[in-house]
């Protein structure tokens, strides 16, 4: 079906990644329900740059939408800092209950105040440390390592608190950084570790599972405000329906990546999570000093 207006959405992940597939599903729904008036052009594989760039392009309206993690938004939208804190979410169910409930809706309002419409929240799995040197079982094992982190003050402070040196590189530079020795390791979920081929240089994967900061599908408020209420409803509903598709795809992809990497001989080890969580106490005090953020933290922790 021919599309009259094709909205452009950026995603840094490859074509077969769950977020990209969910966006394609959303686009099909949108085209069908608008009878061809609206559609999505999914610009995947970092075609529009890294997440920090797509966030800015979306904010100013040069890009219609972007799928990004919350971490790169920390400097622009302070409320995103709280869900980015390490060891905050007890499980995927806790995360989903937060995102799908009233506290998640409040986060969406904070994003809107800064120029974004939060159309949907997607899973990003649990992030763990991996490196080229040795197994990490205790915080002390990170001492002296140079670890790539997302471009976020929370991520940098987390690594510093564990005795390592943070290297806030863009995602697309991590593989080369690992292979050249610019960095010793990084932290990410299983699918990203596999898809970006970080395992080729960093074969020690330690199950810290320290962060479950979700992804968010952002739309430019400048673009949004130019749409009719009917089209806004169509876009929001299609985005909402893409969430279930994404979560189903994510669960399968995450398990498949873990199984594949384990079968390939990657050194996988468990860790003393309590010791890591204890080392994060100063971060909670530092990043939730603002009473508003402290209250947001309390309410997220209270979500069942």
C-alpha atoms as a PDB file:
ATOM      1  CA  UNK A   1       0.000   0.000   0.000  1.00  0.00           C
ATOM      2  CA  UNK A   2       1.339   3.411  -0.948  1.00  0.00           C
ATOM      3  CA  UNK A   3       1.942   5.739   1.983  1.00  0.00           C
ATOM      4  CA  UNK A   4       1.183   9.448   1.785  1.00  0.00           C
ATOM      5  CA  UNK A   5       3.287  10.508   4.782  1.00  0.00           C
ATOM      6  CA  UNK A   6       6.182   8.362   5.963  1.00  0.00           C
ATOM      7  CA  UNK A   7       7.438   9.205   9.451  1.00  0.00           C
ATOM      8  CA  UNK A   8      11.132   8.511   9.972  1.00  0.00           C
ATOM      9  CA  UNK A   9      12.236   6.613  13.083  1.00  0.00           C
ATOM     10  CA  UNK A  10      15.876   5.933  13.976  1.00  0.00           C
ATOM     11  CA  UNK A  11      17.270   2.888  15.770  1.00  0.00           C
ATOM     12  CA  UNK A  12      20.943   2.065  16.272  1.00  0.00           C
ATOM     13  CA  UNK A  13      20.347  -1.697  16.222  1.00  0.00           C
ATOM     14  CA  UNK A  14      20.465  -4.013  13.167  1.00  0.00           C
ATOM     15  CA  UNK A  15      17.459  -5.017  11.082  1.00  0.00           C
ATOM     16  CA  UNK A  16      16.675  -8.250  12.932  1.00  0.00           C
ATOM     17  CA  UNK A  17      16.877  -6.750  16.443  1.00  0.00           C
ATOM     18  CA  UNK A  18      13.637  -6.916  18.511  1.00  0.00           C
ATOM     19  CA  UNK A  19      13.229  -3.136  18.724  1.00  0.00           C
ATOM     20  CA  UNK A  20      13.571  -2.762  14.963  1.00  0.00           C
ATOM     21  CA  UNK A  21      11.113  -5.587  14.354  1.00  0.00           C
ATOM     22  CA  UNK A  22       8.669  -3.977  16.781  1.00  0.00           C
ATOM     23  CA  UNK A  23       8.954  -0.681  14.903  1.00  0.00           C
ATOM     24  CA  UNK A  24       8.263  -2.474  11.626  1.00  0.00           C
ATOM     25  CA  UNK A  25       5.173  -4.027  13.224  1.00  0.00           C
ATOM     26  CA  UNK A  26       4.070  -0.593  14.403  1.00  0.00           C
ATOM     27  CA  UNK A  27       4.524   0.764  10.884  1.00  0.00           C
ATOM     28  CA  UNK A  28       2.351  -1.951   9.369  1.00  0.00           C
ATOM     29  CA  UNK A  29      -0.412  -1.233  11.882  1.00  0.00           C
ATOM     30  CA  UNK A  30      -0.190   2.482  11.219  1.00  0.00           C
ATOM     31  CA  UNK A  31      -0.384   2.115   7.438  1.00  0.00           C
ATOM     32  CA  UNK A  32      -3.285  -0.317   7.633  1.00  0.00           C
ATOM     33  CA  UNK A  33      -5.337   1.720  10.110  1.00  0.00           C
ATOM     34  CA  UNK A  34      -4.723   5.060   8.412  1.00  0.00           C
ATOM     35  CA  UNK A  35      -5.538   3.514   5.027  1.00  0.00           C
ATOM     36  CA  UNK A  36      -2.169   4.534   3.700  1.00  0.00           C
ATOM     37  CA  UNK A  37      -2.060   8.093   4.975  1.00  0.00           C
ATOM     38  CA  UNK A  38       0.679   7.331   7.514  1.00  0.00           C
ATOM     39  CA  UNK A  39       3.582   4.930   7.688  1.00  0.00           C
ATOM     40  CA  UNK A  40       7.013   4.443   9.252  1.00  0.00           C
ATOM     41  CA  UNK A  41      10.412   4.389   7.615  1.00  0.00           C
ATOM     42  CA  UNK A  42      12.688   2.547  10.042  1.00  0.00           C
ATOM     43  CA  UNK A  43      16.264   3.820   9.784  1.00  0.00           C
ATOM     44  CA  UNK A  44      18.156   1.092  11.632  1.00  0.00           C
ATOM     45  CA  UNK A  45      21.835   0.155  12.047  1.00  0.00           C
ATOM     46  CA  UNK A  46      22.911   3.671  13.156  1.00  0.00           C
ATOM     47  CA  UNK A  47      21.978   5.149   9.776  1.00  0.00           C
ATOM     48  CA  UNK A  48      21.088   8.395  11.570  1.00  0.00           C
ATOM     49  CA  UNK A  49      24.013   8.254  13.990  1.00  0.00           C
ATOM     50  CA  UNK A  50      24.398   7.259  17.614  1.00  0.00           C
ATOM     51  CA  UNK A  51      21.615   7.631  20.184  1.00  0.00           C
ATOM     52  CA  UNK A  52      22.843  11.008  21.464  1.00  0.00           C
ATOM     53  CA  UNK A  53      22.575  12.375  17.928  1.00  0.00           C
ATOM     54  CA  UNK A  54      19.123  10.927  17.241  1.00  0.00           C
ATOM     55  CA  UNK A  55      17.833  12.333  20.544  1.00  0.00           C
ATOM     56  CA  UNK A  56      18.870  15.848  19.531  1.00  0.00           C
ATOM     57  CA  UNK A  57      17.534  15.441  15.989  1.00  0.00           C
ATOM     58  CA  UNK A  58      14.206  14.306  17.415  1.00  0.00           C
ATOM     59  CA  UNK A  59      14.060  17.117  19.959  1.00  0.00           C
ATOM     60  CA  UNK A  60      14.420  19.794  17.278  1.00  0.00           C
ATOM     61  CA  UNK A  61      12.077  18.038  14.840  1.00  0.00           C
ATOM     62  CA  UNK A  62      14.689  17.103  12.237  1.00  0.00           C
ATOM     63  CA  UNK A  63      13.765  13.465  12.890  1.00  0.00           C
ATOM     64  CA  UNK A  64      10.226  12.285  13.649  1.00  0.00           C
ATOM     65  CA  UNK A  65      11.053   9.514  16.117  1.00  0.00           C
ATOM     66  CA  UNK A  66      13.932   7.676  17.776  1.00  0.00           C
ATOM     67  CA  UNK A  67      14.231   4.493  19.790  1.00  0.00           C
ATOM     68  CA  UNK A  68      16.834   5.086  22.507  1.00  0.00           C
ATOM     69  CA  UNK A  69      17.829   3.879  25.937  1.00  0.00           C
ATOM     70  CA  UNK A  70      17.048   6.114  28.916  1.00  0.00           C
ATOM     71  CA  UNK A  71      20.717   6.514  29.858  1.00  0.00           C
ATOM     72  CA  UNK A  72      21.676   9.012  27.102  1.00  0.00           C
ATOM     73  CA  UNK A  73      18.703  11.128  28.198  1.00  0.00           C
ATOM     74  CA  UNK A  74      20.002  11.533  31.766  1.00  0.00           C
ATOM     75  CA  UNK A  75      21.630  14.913  31.177  1.00  0.00           C
ATOM     76  CA  UNK A  76      18.583  16.339  29.420  1.00  0.00           C
ATOM     77  CA  UNK A  77      15.729  14.838  31.443  1.00  0.00           C
ATOM     78  CA  UNK A  78      16.765  14.409  35.109  1.00  0.00           C
ATOM     79  CA  UNK A  79      13.824  12.103  35.848  1.00  0.00           C
ATOM     80  CA  UNK A  80      15.375   9.457  33.558  1.00  0.00           C
ATOM     81  CA  UNK A  81      18.286   9.167  35.991  1.00  0.00           C
ATOM     82  CA  UNK A  82      16.241   7.222  38.530  1.00  0.00           C
ATOM     83  CA  UNK A  83      15.253   4.251  36.294  1.00  0.00           C
ATOM     84  CA  UNK A  84      18.879   4.175  35.120  1.00  0.00           C
ATOM     85  CA  UNK A  85      20.250   3.525  38.621  1.00  0.00           C
ATOM     86  CA  UNK A  86      21.979   0.147  39.015  1.00  0.00           C
ATOM     87  CA  UNK A  87      20.240  -2.662  40.906  1.00  0.00           C
ATOM     88  CA  UNK A  88      16.961  -0.741  41.030  1.00  0.00           C
ATOM     89  CA  UNK A  89      14.625  -3.267  39.413  1.00  0.00           C
ATOM     90  CA  UNK A  90      14.060  -6.594  41.145  1.00  0.00           C
ATOM     91  CA  UNK A  91      12.887  -8.383  38.005  1.00  0.00           C
ATOM     92  CA  UNK A  92      11.472  -7.857  34.523  1.00  0.00           C
ATOM     93  CA  UNK A  93       8.017  -7.993  36.078  1.00  0.00           C
ATOM     94  CA  UNK A  94       8.891  -5.137  38.458  1.00  0.00           C
ATOM     95  CA  UNK A  95      10.191  -3.116  35.503  1.00  0.00           C
ATOM     96  CA  UNK A  96       7.047  -3.741  33.442  1.00  0.00           C
ATOM     97  CA  UNK A  97       4.763  -2.858  36.350  1.00  0.00           C
ATOM     98  CA  UNK A  98       6.573   0.463  36.674  1.00  0.00           C
ATOM     99  CA  UNK A  99       6.554   1.247  32.951  1.00  0.00           C
ATOM    100  CA  UNK A 100       2.921   0.231  32.410  1.00  0.00           C
ATOM    101  CA  UNK A 101       1.599   2.018  35.494  1.00  0.00           C
ATOM    102  CA  UNK A 102       1.099   5.565  36.745  1.00  0.00           C
ATOM    103  CA  UNK A 103       4.759   6.130  37.652  1.00  0.00           C
ATOM    104  CA  UNK A 104       5.788   5.286  34.091  1.00  0.00           C
ATOM    105  CA  UNK A 105       3.178   7.782  32.882  1.00  0.00           C
ATOM    106  CA  UNK A 106       4.775  10.470  35.065  1.00  0.00           C
ATOM    107  CA  UNK A 107       8.123   9.797  33.425  1.00  0.00           C
ATOM    108  CA  UNK A 108       6.442  10.294  30.051  1.00  0.00           C
ATOM    109  CA  UNK A 109       5.187  13.714  31.219  1.00  0.00           C
ATOM    110  CA  UNK A 110       8.727  14.685  32.215  1.00  0.00           C
ATOM    111  CA  UNK A 111       9.940  13.761  28.731  1.00  0.00           C
ATOM    112  CA  UNK A 112       7.149  15.828  27.168  1.00  0.00           C
ATOM    113  CA  UNK A 113       8.208  18.906  29.126  1.00  0.00           C
ATOM    114  CA  UNK A 114      11.551  18.673  27.347  1.00  0.00           C
ATOM    115  CA  UNK A 115      10.275  18.281  23.808  1.00  0.00           C
ATOM    116  CA  UNK A 116       9.465  14.573  23.453  1.00  0.00           C
ATOM    117  CA  UNK A 117       6.359  12.424  23.298  1.00  0.00           C
ATOM    118  CA  UNK A 118       7.052   9.026  24.897  1.00  0.00           C
ATOM    119  CA  UNK A 119       5.053   6.659  22.702  1.00  0.00           C
ATOM    120  CA  UNK A 120       6.196   3.362  24.200  1.00  0.00           C
ATOM    121  CA  UNK A 121       8.697   1.749  26.537  1.00  0.00           C
ATOM    122  CA  UNK A 122      10.666  -1.269  25.308  1.00  0.00           C
ATOM    123  CA  UNK A 123      12.785  -3.813  27.172  1.00  0.00           C
ATOM    124  CA  UNK A 124      16.545  -3.525  27.037  1.00  0.00           C
ATOM    125  CA  UNK A 125      17.322  -6.579  29.150  1.00  0.00           C
ATOM    126  CA  UNK A 126      19.799  -6.781  31.985  1.00  0.00           C
ATOM    127  CA  UNK A 127      23.237  -5.300  31.372  1.00  0.00           C
ATOM    128  CA  UNK A 128      26.322  -7.143  32.648  1.00  0.00           C
ATOM    129  CA  UNK A 129      30.070  -6.532  32.546  1.00  0.00           C
ATOM    130  CA  UNK A 130      32.334  -8.307  30.073  1.00  0.00           C
ATOM    131  CA  UNK A 131      36.040  -7.876  29.469  1.00  0.00           C
ATOM    132  CA  UNK A 132      39.160  -9.286  27.858  1.00  0.00           C
ATOM    133  CA  UNK A 133      41.220  -9.788  31.044  1.00  0.00           C
ATOM    134  CA  UNK A 134      39.612 -12.050  33.640  1.00  0.00           C
ATOM    135  CA  UNK A 135      36.386 -13.099  35.315  1.00  0.00           C
ATOM    136  CA  UNK A 136      34.721 -10.437  37.453  1.00  0.00           C
ATOM    137  CA  UNK A 137      33.189 -11.946  40.584  1.00  0.00           C
ATOM    138  CA  UNK A 138      33.596  -9.141  43.131  1.00  0.00           C
ATOM    139  CA  UNK A 139      33.814  -5.350  42.766  1.00  0.00           C
ATOM    140  CA  UNK A 140      37.561  -5.523  43.412  1.00  0.00           C
ATOM    141  CA  UNK A 141      37.987  -7.497  40.177  1.00  0.00           C
ATOM    142  CA  UNK A 142      37.125  -4.350  38.200  1.00  0.00           C
ATOM    143  CA  UNK A 143      39.908  -2.302  39.741  1.00  0.00           C
ATOM    144  CA  UNK A 144      42.242  -0.856  37.127  1.00  0.00           C
ATOM    145  CA  UNK A 145      40.124  -1.871  34.121  1.00  0.00           C
ATOM    146  CA  UNK A 146      39.013   0.654  31.507  1.00  0.00           C
ATOM    147  CA  UNK A 147      35.327  -0.026  30.880  1.00  0.00           C
ATOM    148  CA  UNK A 148      33.161   1.459  28.156  1.00  0.00           C
ATOM    149  CA  UNK A 149      29.895   2.865  29.461  1.00  0.00           C
ATOM    150  CA  UNK A 150      26.927   4.656  27.945  1.00  0.00           C
ATOM    151  CA  UNK A 151      27.260   8.413  27.696  1.00  0.00           C
ATOM    152  CA  UNK A 152      25.532   9.013  31.015  1.00  0.00           C
ATOM    153  CA  UNK A 153      26.745  10.481  34.324  1.00  0.00           C
ATOM    154  CA  UNK A 154      25.133   7.576  36.206  1.00  0.00           C
ATOM    155  CA  UNK A 155      26.986   4.985  34.127  1.00  0.00           C
ATOM    156  CA  UNK A 156      30.299   6.784  34.585  1.00  0.00           C
ATOM    157  CA  UNK A 157      29.816   7.118  38.350  1.00  0.00           C
ATOM    158  CA  UNK A 158      28.857   3.443  38.636  1.00  0.00           C
ATOM    159  CA  UNK A 159      32.121   2.279  37.068  1.00  0.00           C
ATOM    160  CA  UNK A 160      34.169   4.728  39.116  1.00  0.00           C
ATOM    161  CA  UNK A 161      32.545   3.466  42.326  1.00  0.00           C
ATOM    162  CA  UNK A 162      33.705  -0.034  41.408  1.00  0.00           C
ATOM    163  CA  UNK A 163      37.328   1.060  40.984  1.00  0.00           C
ATOM    164  CA  UNK A 164      37.414   1.019  37.175  1.00  0.00           C
ATOM    165  CA  UNK A 165      37.959   3.841  34.699  1.00  0.00           C
ATOM    166  CA  UNK A 166      34.855   4.767  32.662  1.00  0.00           C
ATOM    167  CA  UNK A 167      35.197   5.288  28.924  1.00  0.00           C
ATOM    168  CA  UNK A 168      31.963   6.878  27.623  1.00  0.00           C
ATOM    169  CA  UNK A 169      32.305   5.789  23.991  1.00  0.00           C
ATOM    170  CA  UNK A 170      29.471   5.682  21.442  1.00  0.00           C
ATOM    171  CA  UNK A 171      28.135   2.153  20.956  1.00  0.00           C
ATOM    172  CA  UNK A 172      29.484   1.927  17.407  1.00  0.00           C
ATOM    173  CA  UNK A 173      33.068   2.390  18.608  1.00  0.00           C
ATOM    174  CA  UNK A 174      33.083  -0.356  21.241  1.00  0.00           C
ATOM    175  CA  UNK A 175      34.086  -3.286  19.020  1.00  0.00           C
ATOM    176  CA  UNK A 176      37.137  -1.460  17.682  1.00  0.00           C
ATOM    177  CA  UNK A 177      37.982  -0.214  21.180  1.00  0.00           C
ATOM    178  CA  UNK A 178      38.002  -3.771  22.513  1.00  0.00           C
ATOM    179  CA  UNK A 179      40.048  -5.157  19.638  1.00  0.00           C
ATOM    180  CA  UNK A 180      42.670  -2.399  19.791  1.00  0.00           C
ATOM    181  CA  UNK A 181      42.965  -2.450  23.580  1.00  0.00           C
ATOM    182  CA  UNK A 182      41.677   1.103  23.941  1.00  0.00           C
ATOM    183  CA  UNK A 183      39.259  -0.372  26.478  1.00  0.00           C
ATOM    184  CA  UNK A 184      39.434  -3.567  28.509  1.00  0.00           C
ATOM    185  CA  UNK A 185      35.722  -4.226  28.627  1.00  0.00           C
ATOM    186  CA  UNK A 186      32.178  -2.914  28.462  1.00  0.00           C
ATOM    187  CA  UNK A 187      28.714  -3.681  29.793  1.00  0.00           C
ATOM    188  CA  UNK A 188      25.595  -4.577  27.865  1.00  0.00           C
ATOM    189  CA  UNK A 189      22.885  -7.189  27.366  1.00  0.00           C
ATOM    190  CA  UNK A 190      23.306 -10.570  25.686  1.00  0.00           C
ATOM    191  CA  UNK A 191      21.897  -9.663  22.233  1.00  0.00           C
ATOM    192  CA  UNK A 192      24.055  -6.543  21.910  1.00  0.00           C
ATOM    193  CA  UNK A 193      27.138  -8.451  23.108  1.00  0.00           C
ATOM    194  CA  UNK A 194      26.521 -10.992  20.342  1.00  0.00           C
ATOM    195  CA  UNK A 195      25.272  -8.765  17.518  1.00  0.00           C
ATOM    196  CA  UNK A 196      28.085  -6.214  17.858  1.00  0.00           C
ATOM    197  CA  UNK A 197      30.583  -9.111  18.072  1.00  0.00           C
ATOM    198  CA  UNK A 198      32.074  -7.835  21.308  1.00  0.00           C
ATOM    199  CA  UNK A 199      32.592 -11.477  22.292  1.00  0.00           C
ATOM    200  CA  UNK A 200      35.434 -11.752  19.780  1.00  0.00           C
ATOM    201  CA  UNK A 201      37.685  -9.614  21.978  1.00  0.00           C
ATOM    202  CA  UNK A 202      36.008  -9.792  25.400  1.00  0.00           C
ATOM    203  CA  UNK A 203      35.361 -13.412  26.320  1.00  0.00           C
ATOM    204  CA  UNK A 204      34.708 -13.058  30.057  1.00  0.00           C
ATOM    205  CA  UNK A 205      31.007 -12.337  30.664  1.00  0.00           C
ATOM    206  CA  UNK A 206      30.103 -11.737  34.308  1.00  0.00           C
ATOM    207  CA  UNK A 207      26.426 -11.863  35.288  1.00  0.00           C
ATOM    208  CA  UNK A 208      26.240  -8.692  37.334  1.00  0.00           C
ATOM    209  CA  UNK A 209      22.890  -7.837  35.692  1.00  0.00           C
ATOM    210  CA  UNK A 210      23.332  -4.424  37.266  1.00  0.00           C
ATOM    211  CA  UNK A 211      21.037  -2.336  35.062  1.00  0.00           C
ATOM    212  CA  UNK A 212      17.624  -2.840  33.490  1.00  0.00           C
ATOM    213  CA  UNK A 213      17.163   0.737  32.252  1.00  0.00           C
ATOM    214  CA  UNK A 214      14.499   0.457  29.532  1.00  0.00           C
ATOM    215  CA  UNK A 215      14.380   1.818  26.021  1.00  0.00           C
ATOM    216  CA  UNK A 216      11.851   4.447  25.024  1.00  0.00           C
ATOM    217  CA  UNK A 217      10.320   5.297  21.672  1.00  0.00           C
ATOM    218  CA  UNK A 218      10.381   9.085  21.447  1.00  0.00           C
ATOM    219  CA  UNK A 219       8.526  11.308  19.021  1.00  0.00           C
ATOM    220  CA  UNK A 220       9.360  14.939  18.426  1.00  0.00           C
ATOM    221  CA  UNK A 221       6.792  17.133  20.165  1.00  0.00           C
ATOM    222  CA  UNK A 222       7.238  19.655  17.368  1.00  0.00           C
ATOM    223  CA  UNK A 223       6.124  17.036  14.841  1.00  0.00           C
ATOM    224  CA  UNK A 224       3.435  15.689  17.166  1.00  0.00           C
ATOM    225  CA  UNK A 225       1.839  19.088  17.653  1.00  0.00           C
ATOM    226  CA  UNK A 226       1.424  19.393  13.884  1.00  0.00           C
ATOM    227  CA  UNK A 227      -0.707  16.241  13.657  1.00  0.00           C
ATOM    228  CA  UNK A 228      -4.460  15.986  13.964  1.00  0.00           C
ATOM    229  CA  UNK A 229      -5.809  14.457  17.196  1.00  0.00           C
ATOM    230  CA  UNK A 230      -7.062  11.485  15.158  1.00  0.00           C
ATOM    231  CA  UNK A 231      -3.587  10.798  13.756  1.00  0.00           C
ATOM    232  CA  UNK A 232      -2.046  11.230  17.188  1.00  0.00           C
ATOM    233  CA  UNK A 233      -4.398   8.541  18.478  1.00  0.00           C
ATOM    234  CA  UNK A 234      -3.489   6.210  15.606  1.00  0.00           C
ATOM    235  CA  UNK A 235       0.247   6.628  16.268  1.00  0.00           C
ATOM    236  CA  UNK A 236      -0.060   6.204  20.022  1.00  0.00           C
ATOM    237  CA  UNK A 237      -2.206   3.080  19.710  1.00  0.00           C
ATOM    238  CA  UNK A 238       0.088   1.459  17.125  1.00  0.00           C
ATOM    239  CA  UNK A 239       3.090   2.186  19.356  1.00  0.00           C
ATOM    240  CA  UNK A 240       1.297   0.743  22.387  1.00  0.00           C
ATOM    241  CA  UNK A 241       0.493  -2.459  20.486  1.00  0.00           C
ATOM    242  CA  UNK A 242       4.112  -2.820  19.390  1.00  0.00           C
ATOM    243  CA  UNK A 243       5.183  -3.237  23.034  1.00  0.00           C
ATOM    244  CA  UNK A 244       3.762  -6.742  23.401  1.00  0.00           C
ATOM    245  CA  UNK A 245       5.416  -7.785  20.146  1.00  0.00           C
ATOM    246  CA  UNK A 246       8.732  -6.373  21.306  1.00  0.00           C
ATOM    247  CA  UNK A 247       8.622  -8.095  24.693  1.00  0.00           C
ATOM    248  CA  UNK A 248       7.865 -11.470  23.129  1.00  0.00           C
ATOM    249  CA  UNK A 249      10.651 -11.073  20.581  1.00  0.00           C
ATOM    250  CA  UNK A 250      13.022  -9.793  23.254  1.00  0.00           C
ATOM    251  CA  UNK A 251      12.567 -12.745  25.610  1.00  0.00           C
ATOM    252  CA  UNK A 252      13.288 -15.202  22.795  1.00  0.00           C
ATOM    253  CA  UNK A 253      16.222 -13.219  21.413  1.00  0.00           C
ATOM    254  CA  UNK A 254      17.839 -12.744  24.816  1.00  0.00           C
ATOM    255  CA  UNK A 255      17.715 -16.470  25.581  1.00  0.00           C
ATOM    256  CA  UNK A 256      18.946 -17.402  22.106  1.00  0.00           C
ATOM    257  CA  UNK A 257      21.920 -15.045  22.378  1.00  0.00           C
ATOM    258  CA  UNK A 258      22.861 -16.368  25.797  1.00  0.00           C
ATOM    259  CA  UNK A 259      22.603 -19.986  24.624  1.00  0.00           C
ATOM    260  CA  UNK A 260      24.641 -19.241  21.498  1.00  0.00           C
ATOM    261  CA  UNK A 261      27.406 -17.450  23.364  1.00  0.00           C
ATOM    262  CA  UNK A 262      27.601 -20.147  26.034  1.00  0.00           C
ATOM    263  CA  UNK A 263      27.816 -22.851  23.364  1.00  0.00           C
ATOM    264  CA  UNK A 264      30.599 -20.872  21.651  1.00  0.00           C
ATOM    265  CA  UNK A 265      32.743 -21.184  24.777  1.00  0.00           C
ATOM    266  CA  UNK A 266      32.381 -17.731  26.309  1.00  0.00           C
ATOM    267  CA  UNK A 267      33.476 -17.734  29.957  1.00  0.00           C
ATOM    268  CA  UNK A 268      30.279 -16.968  31.889  1.00  0.00           C
ATOM    269  CA  UNK A 269      30.333 -16.558  35.667  1.00  0.00           C
ATOM    270  CA  UNK A 270      28.013 -15.528  38.472  1.00  0.00           C
ATOM    271  CA  UNK A 271      28.922 -12.734  40.870  1.00  0.00           C
ATOM    272  CA  UNK A 272      28.389 -11.581  44.434  1.00  0.00           C
ATOM    273  CA  UNK A 273      25.511  -9.228  43.576  1.00  0.00           C
ATOM    274  CA  UNK A 274      25.078  -8.051  47.150  1.00  0.00           C
ATOM    275  CA  UNK A 275      28.634  -6.678  47.177  1.00  0.00           C
ATOM    276  CA  UNK A 276      28.044  -4.814  43.911  1.00  0.00           C
ATOM    277  CA  UNK A 277      24.724  -3.393  45.106  1.00  0.00           C
ATOM    278  CA  UNK A 278      26.332  -2.204  48.355  1.00  0.00           C
ATOM    279  CA  UNK A 279      28.975  -0.326  46.356  1.00  0.00           C
ATOM    280  CA  UNK A 280      26.166   1.576  44.636  1.00  0.00           C
ATOM    281  CA  UNK A 281      24.793   3.240  47.789  1.00  0.00           C
ATOM    282  CA  UNK A 282      26.740   6.494  47.234  1.00  0.00           C
ATOM    283  CA  UNK A 283      25.244   6.767  43.735  1.00  0.00           C
ATOM    284  CA  UNK A 284      21.711   6.686  45.104  1.00  0.00           C
ATOM    285  CA  UNK A 285      22.542   9.452  47.561  1.00  0.00           C
ATOM    286  CA  UNK A 286      24.291  11.544  44.922  1.00  0.00           C
ATOM    287  CA  UNK A 287      21.784  11.219  42.085  1.00  0.00           C
ATOM    288  CA  UNK A 288      18.580  11.445  44.124  1.00  0.00           C
ATOM    289  CA  UNK A 289      19.571  14.434  46.276  1.00  0.00           C
ATOM    290  CA  UNK A 290      16.787  16.393  44.580  1.00  0.00           C
ATOM    291  CA  UNK A 291      13.595  15.711  46.610  1.00  0.00           C
ATOM    292  CA  UNK A 292      11.614  15.119  43.403  1.00  0.00           C
ATOM    293  CA  UNK A 293      13.986  12.395  42.284  1.00  0.00           C
ATOM    294  CA  UNK A 294      14.131  10.880  45.756  1.00  0.00           C
ATOM    295  CA  UNK A 295      10.341  10.650  45.739  1.00  0.00           C
ATOM    296  CA  UNK A 296      10.382   9.091  42.269  1.00  0.00           C
ATOM    297  CA  UNK A 297      12.884   6.518  43.519  1.00  0.00           C
ATOM    298  CA  UNK A 298      10.674   5.703  46.496  1.00  0.00           C
ATOM    299  CA  UNK A 299       7.625   5.219  44.296  1.00  0.00           C
ATOM    300  CA  UNK A 300       9.463   2.994  41.817  1.00  0.00           C
ATOM    301  CA  UNK A 301      10.768   0.849  44.669  1.00  0.00           C
ATOM    302  CA  UNK A 302       7.200   0.582  46.016  1.00  0.00           C
ATOM    303  CA  UNK A 303       5.833  -0.774  42.727  1.00  0.00           C
ATOM    304  CA  UNK A 304       5.019  -4.484  43.218  1.00  0.00           C
END
